[in-house]
Amino acid sequence: MANKSPVLLPRMKKIMAELGENIKLARLRRKLSAQQVAERAGISRSTLNYIEKGYEGVSIGYYLNVLNVLGLEKDLLIIASDDELGRKIQDANLSTKDRAPKKK
């Protein structure tokens, strides 16, 4: 199976580019070279370059490896942790006629 990059809308491409830029800035703030981060993440420098440019064809696993090297891997857990829209949808589907469970 050939590797295919996902087709993204322009606004999604901007988000990916911003993510890549944030990763690059985090690396530079830590004064780590691209070679150091690539070696520690177990990837090539060209893959790191793609990540820092926000290329959508790079596996999320590689993004996570780089975040781990930078000590930012737990930031990935923030995604969708506060699902405000999902909670509103769920609340809208709750019936007010349902009773709370009986206390034991």
N, C-alpha and C. Protein backbone atom coordinates (compact mmCIF):
# COMPACT_ATOMS: atom_id res chain seq x y z
N MET A 1 0.84 -1.17 0.00
CA MET A 1 0.00 0.00 0.00
C MET A 1 0.89 1.24 0.00
N ALA A 2 0.64 2.14 -0.90
CA ALA A 2 1.43 3.36 -1.00
C ALA A 2 1.05 4.33 0.11
N ASN A 3 2.04 5.07 0.58
CA ASN A 3 1.77 6.08 1.60
C ASN A 3 1.07 7.26 0.94
N LYS A 4 -0.07 7.63 1.46
CA LYS A 4 -0.82 8.78 0.96
C LYS A 4 -1.01 9.78 2.08
N SER A 5 -0.80 11.04 1.75
CA SER A 5 -1.06 12.08 2.73
C SER A 5 -2.55 12.39 2.73
N PRO A 6 -3.09 12.68 3.89
CA PRO A 6 -4.51 13.05 3.94
C PRO A 6 -4.75 14.38 3.24
N VAL A 7 -5.92 14.54 2.70
CA VAL A 7 -6.29 15.81 2.08
C VAL A 7 -6.88 16.69 3.17
N LEU A 8 -6.26 17.83 3.39
CA LEU A 8 -6.71 18.73 4.45
C LEU A 8 -7.24 20.03 3.86
N LEU A 9 -8.21 20.59 4.54
CA LEU A 9 -8.71 21.91 4.19
C LEU A 9 -7.62 22.95 4.51
N PRO A 10 -7.64 24.09 3.85
CA PRO A 10 -6.62 25.11 4.11
C PRO A 10 -6.51 25.51 5.58
N ARG A 11 -7.63 25.60 6.29
CA ARG A 11 -7.55 25.99 7.71
C ARG A 11 -6.89 24.89 8.53
N MET A 12 -7.07 23.62 8.13
CA MET A 12 -6.41 22.52 8.83
C MET A 12 -4.90 22.54 8.56
N LYS A 13 -4.54 22.90 7.33
CA LYS A 13 -3.11 23.02 6.99
C LYS A 13 -2.45 24.11 7.83
N LYS A 14 -3.19 25.20 8.08
CA LYS A 14 -2.65 26.27 8.92
C LYS A 14 -2.42 25.78 10.34
N ILE A 15 -3.34 24.97 10.83
CA ILE A 15 -3.19 24.41 12.18
C ILE A 15 -1.96 23.51 12.24
N MET A 16 -1.79 22.67 11.23
CA MET A 16 -0.62 21.79 11.19
C MET A 16 0.68 22.60 11.12
N ALA A 17 0.66 23.67 10.32
CA ALA A 17 1.84 24.52 10.22
C ALA A 17 2.16 25.18 11.55
N GLU A 18 1.12 25.61 12.26
CA GLU A 18 1.33 26.23 13.58
C GLU A 18 1.86 25.20 14.58
N LEU A 19 1.34 23.98 14.53
CA LEU A 19 1.85 22.92 15.40
C LEU A 19 3.33 22.69 15.13
N GLY A 20 3.69 22.59 13.86
CA GLY A 20 5.09 22.39 13.50
C GLY A 20 5.97 23.52 13.99
N GLU A 21 5.50 24.74 13.82
CA GLU A 21 6.25 25.91 14.28
C GLU A 21 6.41 25.88 15.79
N ASN A 22 5.36 25.51 16.52
CA ASN A 22 5.44 25.42 17.98
C ASN A 22 6.46 24.37 18.41
N ILE A 23 6.51 23.25 17.71
CA ILE A 23 7.48 22.20 18.02
C ILE A 23 8.89 22.71 17.76
N LYS A 24 9.08 23.40 16.65
CA LYS A 24 10.40 23.95 16.34
C LYS A 24 10.84 24.96 17.39
N LEU A 25 9.93 25.85 17.78
CA LEU A 25 10.27 26.85 18.80
C LEU A 25 10.61 26.19 20.13
N ALA A 26 9.88 25.13 20.49
CA ALA A 26 10.18 24.40 21.73
C ALA A 26 11.58 23.80 21.67
N ARG A 27 11.95 23.26 20.51
CA ARG A 27 13.30 22.69 20.33
C ARG A 27 14.35 23.77 20.47
N LEU A 28 14.12 24.91 19.83
CA LEU A 28 15.10 26.00 19.88
C LEU A 28 15.22 26.58 21.29
N ARG A 29 14.11 26.70 22.01
CA ARG A 29 14.16 27.20 23.39
C ARG A 29 14.99 26.29 24.28
N ARG A 30 14.98 25.00 23.96
CA ARG A 30 15.76 24.04 24.74
C ARG A 30 17.20 23.93 24.25
N LYS A 31 17.51 24.72 23.23
CA LYS A 31 18.85 24.76 22.64
C LYS A 31 19.31 23.38 22.17
N LEU A 32 18.38 22.65 21.55
CA LEU A 32 18.68 21.34 20.98
C LEU A 32 18.77 21.47 19.47
N SER A 33 19.76 20.81 18.89
CA SER A 33 19.88 20.84 17.43
C SER A 33 18.87 19.87 16.83
N ALA A 34 18.60 20.06 15.55
CA ALA A 34 17.68 19.16 14.85
C ALA A 34 18.24 17.74 14.87
N GLN A 35 19.54 17.61 14.73
CA GLN A 35 20.17 16.29 14.75
C GLN A 35 19.97 15.60 16.10
N GLN A 36 20.14 16.34 17.19
CA GLN A 36 19.96 15.77 18.52
C GLN A 36 18.54 15.26 18.72
N VAL A 37 17.57 16.08 18.37
CA VAL A 37 16.16 15.70 18.55
C VAL A 37 15.81 14.51 17.66
N ALA A 38 16.28 14.54 16.42
CA ALA A 38 15.99 13.44 15.49
C ALA A 38 16.57 12.13 16.02
N GLU A 39 17.80 12.15 16.49
CA GLU A 39 18.42 10.94 17.02
C GLU A 39 17.67 10.42 18.24
N ARG A 40 17.34 11.31 19.16
CA ARG A 40 16.65 10.91 20.38
C ARG A 40 15.23 10.40 20.10
N ALA A 41 14.61 10.92 19.05
CA ALA A 41 13.26 10.49 18.68
C ALA A 41 13.28 9.26 17.78
N GLY A 42 14.45 8.87 17.32
CA GLY A 42 14.56 7.70 16.45
C GLY A 42 14.05 7.94 15.03
N ILE A 43 14.21 9.18 14.55
CA ILE A 43 13.76 9.53 13.21
C ILE A 43 14.90 10.21 12.46
N SER A 44 14.71 10.40 11.18
CA SER A 44 15.72 11.11 10.39
C SER A 44 15.52 12.62 10.54
N ARG A 45 16.57 13.36 10.18
CA ARG A 45 16.45 14.83 10.23
C ARG A 45 15.41 15.32 9.24
N SER A 46 15.28 14.64 8.12
CA SER A 46 14.27 15.08 7.14
C SER A 46 12.86 14.89 7.69
N THR A 47 12.64 13.81 8.45
CA THR A 47 11.32 13.61 9.07
C THR A 47 11.06 14.70 10.10
N LEU A 48 12.06 15.04 10.89
CA LEU A 48 11.91 16.14 11.84
C LEU A 48 11.61 17.44 11.11
N ASN A 49 12.27 17.65 9.98
CA ASN A 49 12.01 18.85 9.18
C ASN A 49 10.55 18.88 8.73
N TYR A 50 10.03 17.74 8.29
CA TYR A 50 8.62 17.66 7.90
C TYR A 50 7.72 17.98 9.09
N ILE A 51 8.05 17.46 10.26
CA ILE A 51 7.26 17.71 11.46
C ILE A 51 7.25 19.20 11.79
N GLU A 52 8.42 19.82 11.73
CA GLU A 52 8.52 21.24 12.06
C GLU A 52 7.85 22.13 11.03
N LYS A 53 7.57 21.59 9.86
CA LYS A 53 6.82 22.34 8.84
C LYS A 53 5.34 22.00 8.88
N GLY A 54 4.96 21.05 9.75
CA GLY A 54 3.56 20.69 9.90
C GLY A 54 3.04 19.81 8.78
N TYR A 55 3.91 19.02 8.20
CA TYR A 55 3.50 18.15 7.09
C TYR A 55 2.52 17.09 7.59
N GLU A 56 1.38 16.99 6.93
CA GLU A 56 0.31 16.09 7.38
C GLU A 56 0.56 14.63 7.07
N GLY A 57 1.57 14.31 6.30
CA GLY A 57 1.85 12.93 5.95
C GLY A 57 2.70 12.19 6.97
N VAL A 58 3.18 12.88 7.99
CA VAL A 58 4.02 12.25 9.02
C VAL A 58 3.13 11.59 10.06
N SER A 59 3.47 10.39 10.44
CA SER A 59 2.70 9.63 11.42
C SER A 59 2.62 10.38 12.75
N ILE A 60 1.46 10.30 13.38
CA ILE A 60 1.29 10.95 14.68
C ILE A 60 2.25 10.35 15.71
N GLY A 61 2.64 9.11 15.50
CA GLY A 61 3.62 8.49 16.39
C GLY A 61 4.95 9.21 16.38
N TYR A 62 5.36 9.68 15.21
CA TYR A 62 6.61 10.44 15.12
C TYR A 62 6.47 11.80 15.80
N TYR A 63 5.31 12.42 15.62
CA TYR A 63 5.06 13.68 16.34
C TYR A 63 5.18 13.43 17.84
N LEU A 64 4.58 12.33 18.32
CA LEU A 64 4.62 12.02 19.75
C LEU A 64 6.04 11.74 20.23
N ASN A 65 6.85 11.04 19.42
CA ASN A 65 8.24 10.79 19.79
C ASN A 65 9.01 12.10 19.96
N VAL A 66 8.79 13.05 19.06
CA VAL A 66 9.46 14.34 19.16
C VAL A 66 8.97 15.10 20.39
N LEU A 67 7.67 15.09 20.62
CA LEU A 67 7.14 15.75 21.82
C LEU A 67 7.72 15.14 23.09
N ASN A 68 7.92 13.83 23.09
CA ASN A 68 8.52 13.15 24.23
C ASN A 68 9.95 13.63 24.47
N VAL A 69 10.72 13.76 23.41
CA VAL A 69 12.10 14.26 23.53
C VAL A 69 12.10 15.66 24.13
N LEU A 70 11.11 16.45 23.77
CA LEU A 70 11.03 17.82 24.26
C LEU A 70 10.34 17.93 25.62
N GLY A 71 9.86 16.81 26.14
CA GLY A 71 9.19 16.81 27.44
C GLY A 71 7.77 17.35 27.36
N LEU A 72 7.17 17.28 26.19
CA LEU A 72 5.83 17.84 25.98
C LEU A 72 4.80 16.79 25.62
N GLU A 73 5.11 15.52 25.83
CA GLU A 73 4.21 14.44 25.40
C GLU A 73 2.85 14.50 26.07
N LYS A 74 2.78 14.99 27.29
CA LYS A 74 1.49 15.04 28.00
C LYS A 74 0.59 16.14 27.44
N ASP A 75 1.15 17.07 26.68
CA ASP A 75 0.32 18.09 26.05
C ASP A 75 -0.67 17.46 25.08
N LEU A 76 -0.34 16.30 24.54
CA LEU A 76 -1.24 15.62 23.62
C LEU A 76 -2.52 15.18 24.33
N LEU A 77 -2.45 14.96 25.63
CA LEU A 77 -3.62 14.54 26.40
C LEU A 77 -4.64 15.67 26.58
N ILE A 78 -4.22 16.89 26.33
CA ILE A 78 -5.11 18.03 26.48
C ILE A 78 -6.15 18.04 25.36
N ILE A 79 -5.80 17.45 24.22
CA ILE A 79 -6.70 17.46 23.07
C ILE A 79 -8.00 16.75 23.43
N ALA A 80 -9.09 17.42 23.22
CA ALA A 80 -10.45 16.91 23.44
C ALA A 80 -10.76 16.56 24.89
N SER A 81 -9.91 16.97 25.82
CA SER A 81 -10.19 16.65 27.23
C SER A 81 -11.35 17.49 27.76
N ASP A 82 -11.54 18.68 27.23
CA ASP A 82 -12.65 19.54 27.63
C ASP A 82 -13.58 19.68 26.43
N ASP A 83 -14.41 18.66 26.23
CA ASP A 83 -15.30 18.57 25.07
C ASP A 83 -16.60 19.31 25.34
N GLU A 84 -16.53 20.62 25.26
CA GLU A 84 -17.69 21.46 25.60
C GLU A 84 -18.87 21.18 24.66
N LEU A 85 -18.63 21.08 23.37
CA LEU A 85 -19.70 20.82 22.41
C LEU A 85 -20.32 19.44 22.67
N GLY A 86 -19.49 18.44 22.90
CA GLY A 86 -20.00 17.10 23.17
C GLY A 86 -20.88 17.06 24.41
N ARG A 87 -20.47 17.80 25.45
CA ARG A 87 -21.29 17.85 26.67
C ARG A 87 -22.61 18.54 26.42
N LYS A 88 -22.62 19.59 25.62
CA LYS A 88 -23.87 20.29 25.31
C LYS A 88 -24.82 19.38 24.53
N ILE A 89 -24.27 18.62 23.59
CA ILE A 89 -25.09 17.68 22.82
C ILE A 89 -25.66 16.61 23.73
N GLN A 90 -24.82 16.09 24.61
CA GLN A 90 -25.27 15.06 25.54
C GLN A 90 -26.34 15.61 26.48
N ASP A 91 -26.15 16.80 27.00
CA ASP A 91 -27.13 17.41 27.89
C ASP A 91 -28.45 17.67 27.19
N ALA A 92 -28.40 18.03 25.92
CA ALA A 92 -29.62 18.29 25.16
C ALA A 92 -30.44 17.02 24.98
N ASN A 93 -29.79 15.87 25.00
CA ASN A 93 -30.48 14.59 24.81
C ASN A 93 -30.98 13.98 26.12
N LEU A 94 -30.68 14.61 27.25
CA LEU A 94 -31.13 14.08 28.53
C LEU A 94 -32.61 14.38 28.71
N SER A 95 -33.31 13.41 29.18
CA SER A 95 -34.74 13.59 29.43
C SER A 95 -34.92 14.06 30.87
N THR A 96 -35.74 15.06 31.04
CA THR A 96 -35.99 15.59 32.38
C THR A 96 -36.94 14.69 33.17
N LYS A 97 -37.59 13.74 32.49
CA LYS A 97 -38.50 12.84 33.16
C LYS A 97 -37.78 11.70 33.89
N ASP A 98 -36.53 11.46 33.51
CA ASP A 98 -35.77 10.40 34.16
C ASP A 98 -35.48 10.78 35.60
N ARG A 99 -35.56 9.79 36.46
CA ARG A 99 -35.29 10.01 37.88
C ARG A 99 -33.85 9.66 38.17
N ALA A 100 -33.35 10.27 39.19
CA ALA A 100 -32.01 9.94 39.65
C ALA A 100 -32.04 8.55 40.27
N PRO A 101 -30.92 7.84 40.25
CA PRO A 101 -30.92 6.50 40.88
C PRO A 101 -31.19 6.59 42.36
N LYS A 102 -31.83 5.55 42.89
CA LYS A 102 -32.17 5.52 44.32
C LYS A 102 -30.91 5.35 45.14
N LYS A 103 -30.89 6.01 46.29
CA LYS A 103 -29.77 5.88 47.20
C LYS A 103 -29.90 4.57 47.94
N LYS A 104 -28.79 3.94 48.17
CA LYS A 104 -28.79 2.66 48.90
C LYS A 104 -28.52 2.86 50.35
